[in-house]
Amino acid sequence: MKNKLVDLNNHLFAQLERLGDEDLKGDALASEIERSRAITGVAKQLVQIGQLALDAEKFKQEHSATPVTNLPEMLESK
């Protein structure tokens, strides 16, 4: 899997830096704010999917005779 939650974190911080640019004014600032709203919406969905994957792994470990040691790929930090 190419994208991990750590990548999402990097994108969110990059967007925060763009929003913090004090040179942004008027239409450019409005566009960046709208872009931030879109990114935030997608990020929330990705975090919810990650939580669901983690919950599923926890369920498998709690109800399996053989312990599972791997996290879902999207949750890996490397």
PDB file of N, CA and C in Angstrom:
ATOM      1  N   MET A   1       0.849  -1.188   0.000  1.00  0.00           N
ATOM      2  CA  MET A   1       0.000   0.000   0.000  1.00  0.00           C
ATOM      3  C   MET A   1       0.890   1.244   0.000  1.00  0.00           C
ATOM      4  N   LYS A   2       0.553   2.190  -0.823  1.00  0.00           N
ATOM      5  CA  LYS A   2       1.388   3.370  -1.009  1.00  0.00           C
ATOM      6  C   LYS A   2       1.167   4.422   0.081  1.00  0.00           C
ATOM      7  N   ASN A   3      -0.060   4.666   0.460  1.00  0.00           N
ATOM      8  CA  ASN A   3      -0.365   5.732   1.414  1.00  0.00           C
ATOM      9  C   ASN A   3      -0.655   5.167   2.792  1.00  0.00           C
ATOM     10  N   LYS A   4      -0.086   5.801   3.787  1.00  0.00           N
ATOM     11  CA  LYS A   4      -0.264   5.419   5.185  1.00  0.00           C
ATOM     12  C   LYS A   4      -0.844   6.614   5.930  1.00  0.00           C
ATOM     13  N   LEU A   5      -1.299   6.380   7.140  1.00  0.00           N
ATOM     14  CA  LEU A   5      -1.840   7.487   7.922  1.00  0.00           C
ATOM     15  C   LEU A   5      -0.772   8.535   8.230  1.00  0.00           C
ATOM     16  N   VAL A   6       0.494   8.120   8.275  1.00  0.00           N
ATOM     17  CA  VAL A   6       1.569   9.086   8.481  1.00  0.00           C
ATOM     18  C   VAL A   6       1.644  10.052   7.286  1.00  0.00           C
ATOM     19  N   ASP A   7       1.331   9.560   6.090  1.00  0.00           N
ATOM     20  CA  ASP A   7       1.298  10.429   4.908  1.00  0.00           C
ATOM     21  C   ASP A   7       0.173  11.455   5.024  1.00  0.00           C
ATOM     22  N   LEU A   8      -0.962  11.010   5.532  1.00  0.00           N
ATOM     23  CA  LEU A   8      -2.079  11.935   5.758  1.00  0.00           C
ATOM     24  C   LEU A   8      -1.656  13.031   6.729  1.00  0.00           C
ATOM     25  N   ASN A   9      -0.968  12.643   7.775  1.00  0.00           N
ATOM     26  CA  ASN A   9      -0.481  13.612   8.756  1.00  0.00           C
ATOM     27  C   ASN A   9       0.415  14.653   8.083  1.00  0.00           C
ATOM     28  N   ASN A  10       1.296  14.201   7.211  1.00  0.00           N
ATOM     29  CA  ASN A  10       2.191  15.123   6.498  1.00  0.00           C
ATOM     30  C   ASN A  10       1.404  16.082   5.602  1.00  0.00           C
ATOM     31  N   HIS A  11       0.383  15.570   4.917  1.00  0.00           N
ATOM     32  CA  HIS A  11      -0.446  16.428   4.051  1.00  0.00           C
ATOM     33  C   HIS A  11      -1.189  17.472   4.877  1.00  0.00           C
ATOM     34  N   LEU A  12      -1.694  17.071   6.028  1.00  0.00           N
ATOM     35  CA  LEU A  12      -2.434  18.010   6.879  1.00  0.00           C
ATOM     36  C   LEU A  12      -1.523  19.115   7.400  1.00  0.00           C
ATOM     37  N   PHE A  13      -0.303  18.757   7.790  1.00  0.00           N
ATOM     38  CA  PHE A  13       0.629  19.789   8.250  1.00  0.00           C
ATOM     39  C   PHE A  13       1.054  20.701   7.108  1.00  0.00           C
ATOM     40  N   ALA A  14       1.209  20.166   5.913  1.00  0.00           N
ATOM     41  CA  ALA A  14       1.543  21.007   4.755  1.00  0.00           C
ATOM     42  C   ALA A  14       0.413  21.997   4.484  1.00  0.00           C
ATOM     43  N   GLN A  15      -0.827  21.529   4.594  1.00  0.00           N
ATOM     44  CA  GLN A  15      -1.967  22.421   4.381  1.00  0.00           C
ATOM     45  C   GLN A  15      -2.017  23.497   5.462  1.00  0.00           C
ATOM     46  N   LEU A  16      -1.725  23.122   6.684  1.00  0.00           N
ATOM     47  CA  LEU A  16      -1.692  24.088   7.781  1.00  0.00           C
ATOM     48  C   LEU A  16      -0.644  25.169   7.513  1.00  0.00           C
ATOM     49  N   GLU A  17       0.492  24.768   6.984  1.00  0.00           N
ATOM     50  CA  GLU A  17       1.529  25.746   6.649  1.00  0.00           C
ATOM     51  C   GLU A  17       1.056  26.700   5.552  1.00  0.00           C
ATOM     52  N   ARG A  18       0.344  26.156   4.550  1.00  0.00           N
ATOM     53  CA  ARG A  18      -0.177  27.025   3.483  1.00  0.00           C
ATOM     54  C   ARG A  18      -1.184  28.018   4.051  1.00  0.00           C
ATOM     55  N   LEU A  19      -2.027  27.563   4.963  1.00  0.00           N
ATOM     56  CA  LEU A  19      -3.001  28.467   5.571  1.00  0.00           C
ATOM     57  C   LEU A  19      -2.336  29.532   6.439  1.00  0.00           C
ATOM     58  N   GLY A  20      -1.184  29.211   6.985  1.00  0.00           N
ATOM     59  CA  GLY A  20      -0.468  30.157   7.832  1.00  0.00           C
ATOM     60  C   GLY A  20       0.321  31.201   7.064  1.00  0.00           C
ATOM     61  N   ASP A  21       0.326  31.104   5.748  1.00  0.00           N
ATOM     62  CA  ASP A  21       1.049  32.064   4.913  1.00  0.00           C
ATOM     63  C   ASP A  21       0.364  33.423   5.012  1.00  0.00           C
ATOM     64  N   GLU A  22       1.018  34.352   5.663  1.00  0.00           N
ATOM     65  CA  GLU A  22       0.420  35.676   5.880  1.00  0.00           C
ATOM     66  C   GLU A  22       0.333  36.506   4.603  1.00  0.00           C
ATOM     67  N   ASP A  23       0.977  36.070   3.536  1.00  0.00           N
ATOM     68  CA  ASP A  23       0.896  36.777   2.259  1.00  0.00           C
ATOM     69  C   ASP A  23      -0.385  36.430   1.496  1.00  0.00           C
ATOM     70  N   LEU A  24      -1.072  35.350   1.914  1.00  0.00           N
ATOM     71  CA  LEU A  24      -2.322  34.982   1.246  1.00  0.00           C
ATOM     72  C   LEU A  24      -3.415  35.974   1.609  1.00  0.00           C
ATOM     73  N   LYS A  25      -4.047  36.486   0.597  1.00  0.00           N
ATOM     74  CA  LYS A  25      -5.109  37.473   0.818  1.00  0.00           C
ATOM     75  C   LYS A  25      -6.211  37.251  -0.211  1.00  0.00           C
ATOM     76  N   GLY A  26      -7.367  37.771   0.054  1.00  0.00           N
ATOM     77  CA  GLY A  26      -8.468  37.788  -0.902  1.00  0.00           C
ATOM     78  C   GLY A  26      -8.837  36.436  -1.465  1.00  0.00           C
ATOM     79  N   ASP A  27      -8.909  36.375  -2.797  1.00  0.00           N
ATOM     80  CA  ASP A  27      -9.335  35.156  -3.482  1.00  0.00           C
ATOM     81  C   ASP A  27      -8.390  33.980  -3.235  1.00  0.00           C
ATOM     82  N   ALA A  28      -7.096  34.272  -3.153  1.00  0.00           N
ATOM     83  CA  ALA A  28      -6.122  33.202  -2.908  1.00  0.00           C
ATOM     84  C   ALA A  28      -6.359  32.578  -1.538  1.00  0.00           C
ATOM     85  N   LEU A  29      -6.632  33.401  -0.547  1.00  0.00           N
ATOM     86  CA  LEU A  29      -6.914  32.901   0.797  1.00  0.00           C
ATOM     87  C   LEU A  29      -8.230  32.130   0.814  1.00  0.00           C
ATOM     88  N   ALA A  30      -9.241  32.644   0.152  1.00  0.00           N
ATOM     89  CA  ALA A  30     -10.534  31.961   0.083  1.00  0.00           C
ATOM     90  C   ALA A  30     -10.382  30.590  -0.586  1.00  0.00           C
ATOM     91  N   SER A  31      -9.598  30.526  -1.637  1.00  0.00           N
ATOM     92  CA  SER A  31      -9.357  29.250  -2.319  1.00  0.00           C
ATOM     93  C   SER A  31      -8.643  28.267  -1.409  1.00  0.00           C
ATOM     94  N   GLU A  32      -7.672  28.761  -0.670  1.00  0.00           N
ATOM     95  CA  GLU A  32      -6.918  27.877   0.237  1.00  0.00           C
ATOM     96  C   GLU A  32      -7.808  27.387   1.379  1.00  0.00           C
ATOM     97  N   ILE A  33      -8.692  28.229   1.848  1.00  0.00           N
ATOM     98  CA  ILE A  33      -9.635  27.815   2.901  1.00  0.00           C
ATOM     99  C   ILE A  33     -10.574  26.741   2.363  1.00  0.00           C
ATOM    100  N   GLU A  34     -11.064  26.913   1.152  1.00  0.00           N
ATOM    101  CA  GLU A  34     -11.947  25.914   0.550  1.00  0.00           C
ATOM    102  C   GLU A  34     -11.200  24.599   0.334  1.00  0.00           C
ATOM    103  N   ARG A  35      -9.962  24.705  -0.103  1.00  0.00           N
ATOM    104  CA  ARG A  35      -9.139  23.511  -0.278  1.00  0.00           C
ATOM    105  C   ARG A  35      -8.953  22.800   1.063  1.00  0.00           C
ATOM    106  N   SER A  36      -8.734  23.560   2.122  1.00  0.00           N
ATOM    107  CA  SER A  36      -8.575  22.987   3.459  1.00  0.00           C
ATOM    108  C   SER A  36      -9.826  22.249   3.901  1.00  0.00           C
ATOM    109  N   ARG A  37     -10.978  22.807   3.600  1.00  0.00           N
ATOM    110  CA  ARG A  37     -12.242  22.140   3.949  1.00  0.00           C
ATOM    111  C   ARG A  37     -12.362  20.796   3.226  1.00  0.00           C
ATOM    112  N   ALA A  38     -11.988  20.781   1.969  1.00  0.00           N
ATOM    113  CA  ALA A  38     -12.049  19.534   1.195  1.00  0.00           C
ATOM    114  C   ALA A  38     -11.066  18.503   1.756  1.00  0.00           C
ATOM    115  N   ILE A  39      -9.852  18.940   2.040  1.00  0.00           N
ATOM    116  CA  ILE A  39      -8.845  18.036   2.588  1.00  0.00           C
ATOM    117  C   ILE A  39      -9.287  17.503   3.941  1.00  0.00           C
ATOM    118  N   THR A  40      -9.845  18.364   4.766  1.00  0.00           N
ATOM    119  CA  THR A  40     -10.325  17.954   6.084  1.00  0.00           C
ATOM    120  C   THR A  40     -11.425  16.907   5.971  1.00  0.00           C
ATOM    121  N   GLY A  41     -12.332  17.098   5.034  1.00  0.00           N
ATOM    122  CA  GLY A  41     -13.407  16.124   4.832  1.00  0.00           C
ATOM    123  C   GLY A  41     -12.880  14.753   4.444  1.00  0.00           C
ATOM    124  N   VAL A  42     -11.929  14.730   3.524  1.00  0.00           N
ATOM    125  CA  VAL A  42     -11.329  13.464   3.106  1.00  0.00           C
ATOM    126  C   VAL A  42     -10.526  12.862   4.263  1.00  0.00           C
ATOM    127  N   ALA A  43      -9.797  13.689   4.992  1.00  0.00           N
ATOM    128  CA  ALA A  43      -8.989  13.204   6.114  1.00  0.00           C
ATOM    129  C   ALA A  43      -9.865  12.545   7.170  1.00  0.00           C
ATOM    130  N   LYS A  44     -11.007  13.144   7.462  1.00  0.00           N
ATOM    131  CA  LYS A  44     -11.917  12.553   8.460  1.00  0.00           C
ATOM    132  C   LYS A  44     -12.369  11.173   8.024  1.00  0.00           C
ATOM    133  N   GLN A  45     -12.673  11.022   6.758  1.00  0.00           N
ATOM    134  CA  GLN A  45     -13.089   9.713   6.243  1.00  0.00           C
ATOM    135  C   GLN A  45     -11.952   8.693   6.351  1.00  0.00           C
ATOM    136  N   LEU A  46     -10.744   9.109   6.025  1.00  0.00           N
ATOM    137  CA  LEU A  46      -9.603   8.200   6.103  1.00  0.00           C
ATOM    138  C   LEU A  46      -9.330   7.772   7.539  1.00  0.00           C
ATOM    139  N   VAL A  47      -9.463   8.698   8.473  1.00  0.00           N
ATOM    140  CA  VAL A  47      -9.263   8.363   9.880  1.00  0.00           C
ATOM    141  C   VAL A  47     -10.340   7.381  10.338  1.00  0.00           C
ATOM    142  N   GLN A  48     -11.574   7.585   9.912  1.00  0.00           N
ATOM    143  CA  GLN A  48     -12.647   6.653  10.272  1.00  0.00           C
ATOM    144  C   GLN A  48     -12.384   5.259   9.696  1.00  0.00           C
ATOM    145  N   ILE A  49     -11.897   5.200   8.469  1.00  0.00           N
ATOM    146  CA  ILE A  49     -11.566   3.910   7.854  1.00  0.00           C
ATOM    147  C   ILE A  49     -10.424   3.245   8.630  1.00  0.00           C
ATOM    148  N   GLY A  50      -9.423   4.032   9.014  1.00  0.00           N
ATOM    149  CA  GLY A  50      -8.319   3.501   9.809  1.00  0.00           C
ATOM    150  C   GLY A  50      -8.795   2.964  11.144  1.00  0.00           C
ATOM    151  N   GLN A  51      -9.717   3.682  11.786  1.00  0.00           N
ATOM    152  CA  GLN A  51     -10.265   3.225  13.062  1.00  0.00           C
ATOM    153  C   GLN A  51     -11.033   1.925  12.881  1.00  0.00           C
ATOM    154  N   LEU A  52     -11.792   1.816  11.800  1.00  0.00           N
ATOM    155  CA  LEU A  52     -12.528   0.586  11.517  1.00  0.00           C
ATOM    156  C   LEU A  52     -11.566  -0.588  11.311  1.00  0.00           C
ATOM    157  N   ALA A  53     -10.482  -0.353  10.560  1.00  0.00           N
ATOM    158  CA  ALA A  53      -9.492  -1.412  10.331  1.00  0.00           C
ATOM    159  C   ALA A  53      -8.842  -1.831  11.649  1.00  0.00           C
ATOM    160  N   LEU A  54      -8.526  -0.866  12.500  1.00  0.00           N
ATOM    161  CA  LEU A  54      -7.929  -1.170  13.792  1.00  0.00           C
ATOM    162  C   LEU A  54      -8.905  -1.945  14.679  1.00  0.00           C
ATOM    163  N   ASP A  55     -10.154  -1.516  14.707  1.00  0.00           N
ATOM    164  CA  ASP A  55     -11.180  -2.230  15.478  1.00  0.00           C
ATOM    165  C   ASP A  55     -11.337  -3.664  14.992  1.00  0.00           C
ATOM    166  N   ALA A  56     -11.278  -3.862  13.682  1.00  0.00           N
ATOM    167  CA  ALA A  56     -11.389  -5.215  13.126  1.00  0.00           C
ATOM    168  C   ALA A  56     -10.211  -6.082  13.568  1.00  0.00           C
ATOM    169  N   GLU A  57      -9.000  -5.512  13.568  1.00  0.00           N
ATOM    170  CA  GLU A  57      -7.826  -6.260  14.023  1.00  0.00           C
ATOM    171  C   GLU A  57      -7.947  -6.605  15.503  1.00  0.00           C
ATOM    172  N   LYS A  58      -8.411  -5.659  16.306  1.00  0.00           N
ATOM    173  CA  LYS A  58      -8.605  -5.926  17.735  1.00  0.00           C
ATOM    174  C   LYS A  58      -9.622  -7.047  17.933  1.00  0.00           C
ATOM    175  N   PHE A  59     -10.692  -7.016  17.169  1.00  0.00           N
ATOM    176  CA  PHE A  59     -11.721  -8.049  17.260  1.00  0.00           C
ATOM    177  C   PHE A  59     -11.130  -9.417  16.916  1.00  0.00           C
ATOM    178  N   LYS A  60     -10.339  -9.462  15.823  1.00  0.00           N
ATOM    179  CA  LYS A  60      -9.720 -10.724  15.422  1.00  0.00           C
ATOM    180  C   LYS A  60      -8.808 -11.252  16.528  1.00  0.00           C
ATOM    181  N   GLN A  61      -8.032 -10.371  17.134  1.00  0.00           N
ATOM    182  CA  GLN A  61      -7.115 -10.809  18.184  1.00  0.00           C
ATOM    183  C   GLN A  61      -7.860 -11.297  19.417  1.00  0.00           C
ATOM    184  N   GLU A  62      -8.940 -10.635  19.769  1.00  0.00           N
ATOM    185  CA  GLU A  62      -9.714 -11.015  20.946  1.00  0.00           C
ATOM    186  C   GLU A  62     -10.459 -12.324  20.738  1.00  0.00           C
ATOM    187  N   HIS A  63     -10.812 -12.650  19.499  1.00  0.00           N
ATOM    188  CA  HIS A  63     -11.655 -13.805  19.225  1.00  0.00           C
ATOM    189  C   HIS A  63     -10.949 -14.884  18.406  1.00  0.00           C
ATOM    190  N   SER A  64      -9.637 -14.829  18.361  1.00  0.00           N
ATOM    191  CA  SER A  64      -8.874 -15.804  17.588  1.00  0.00           C
ATOM    192  C   SER A  64      -7.983 -16.614  18.515  1.00  0.00           C
ATOM    193  N   ALA A  65      -7.854 -17.894  18.233  1.00  0.00           N
ATOM    194  CA  ALA A  65      -6.970 -18.746  19.021  1.00  0.00           C
ATOM    195  C   ALA A  65      -5.506 -18.420  18.742  1.00  0.00           C
ATOM    196  N   THR A  66      -5.211 -17.915  17.553  1.00  0.00           N
ATOM    197  CA  THR A  66      -3.856 -17.553  17.168  1.00  0.00           C
ATOM    198  C   THR A  66      -3.729 -16.040  17.163  1.00  0.00           C
ATOM    199  N   PRO A  67      -2.845 -15.464  17.999  1.00  0.00           N
ATOM    200  CA  PRO A  67      -2.686 -14.002  18.022  1.00  0.00           C
ATOM    201  C   PRO A  67      -2.218 -13.453  16.673  1.00  0.00           C
ATOM    202  N   VAL A  68      -2.753 -12.327  16.306  1.00  0.00           N
ATOM    203  CA  VAL A  68      -2.379 -11.650  15.066  1.00  0.00           C
ATOM    204  C   VAL A  68      -1.366 -10.571  15.429  1.00  0.00           C
ATOM    205  N   THR A  69      -0.233 -10.553  14.744  1.00  0.00           N
ATOM    206  CA  THR A  69       0.817  -9.582  15.085  1.00  0.00           C
ATOM    207  C   THR A  69       0.934  -8.446  14.080  1.00  0.00           C
ATOM    208  N   ASN A  70       0.252  -8.553  12.954  1.00  0.00           N
ATOM    209  CA  ASN A  70       0.370  -7.525  11.907  1.00  0.00           C
ATOM    210  C   ASN A  70      -0.778  -6.530  12.015  1.00  0.00           C
ATOM    211  N   LEU A  71      -0.449  -5.267  11.848  1.00  0.00           N
ATOM    212  CA  LEU A  71      -1.470  -4.233  11.722  1.00  0.00           C
ATOM    213  C   LEU A  71      -1.880  -4.133  10.254  1.00  0.00           C
ATOM    214  N   PRO A  72      -3.058  -3.609   9.978  1.00  0.00           N
ATOM    215  CA  PRO A  72      -3.398  -3.348   8.577  1.00  0.00           C
ATOM    216  C   PRO A  72      -2.351  -2.413   7.961  1.00  0.00           C
ATOM    217  N   GLU A  73      -2.057  -2.614   6.686  1.00  0.00           N
ATOM    218  CA  GLU A  73      -1.002  -1.826   6.024  1.00  0.00           C
ATOM    219  C   GLU A  73      -1.171  -0.320   6.188  1.00  0.00           C
ATOM    220  N   MET A  74      -2.395   0.156   6.081  1.00  0.00           N
ATOM    221  CA  MET A  74      -2.600   1.608   6.122  1.00  0.00           C
ATOM    222  C   MET A  74      -2.236   2.208   7.473  1.00  0.00           C
ATOM    223  N   LEU A  75      -2.150   1.387   8.516  1.00  0.00           N
ATOM    224  CA  LEU A  75      -1.835   1.882   9.849  1.00  0.00           C
ATOM    225  C   LEU A  75      -0.341   1.853  10.154  1.00  0.00           C
ATOM    226  N   GLU A  76       0.440   1.236   9.264  1.00  0.00           N
ATOM    227  CA  GLU A  76       1.875   1.163   9.483  1.00  0.00           C
ATOM    228  C   GLU A  76       2.480   2.566   9.411  1.00  0.00           C
ATOM    229  N   SER A  77       3.519   2.772  10.193  1.00  0.00           N
ATOM    230  CA  SER A  77       4.149   4.107  10.200  1.00  0.00           C
ATOM    231  C   SER A  77       5.428   4.163   9.386  1.00  0.00           C
ATOM    232  N   LYS A  78       5.820   3.069   8.800  1.00  0.00           N
ATOM    233  CA  LYS A  78       7.079   3.059   8.021  1.00  0.00           C
ATOM    234  C   LYS A  78       6.803   3.214   6.558  1.00  0.00           C
TER     235      LYS A  78
END
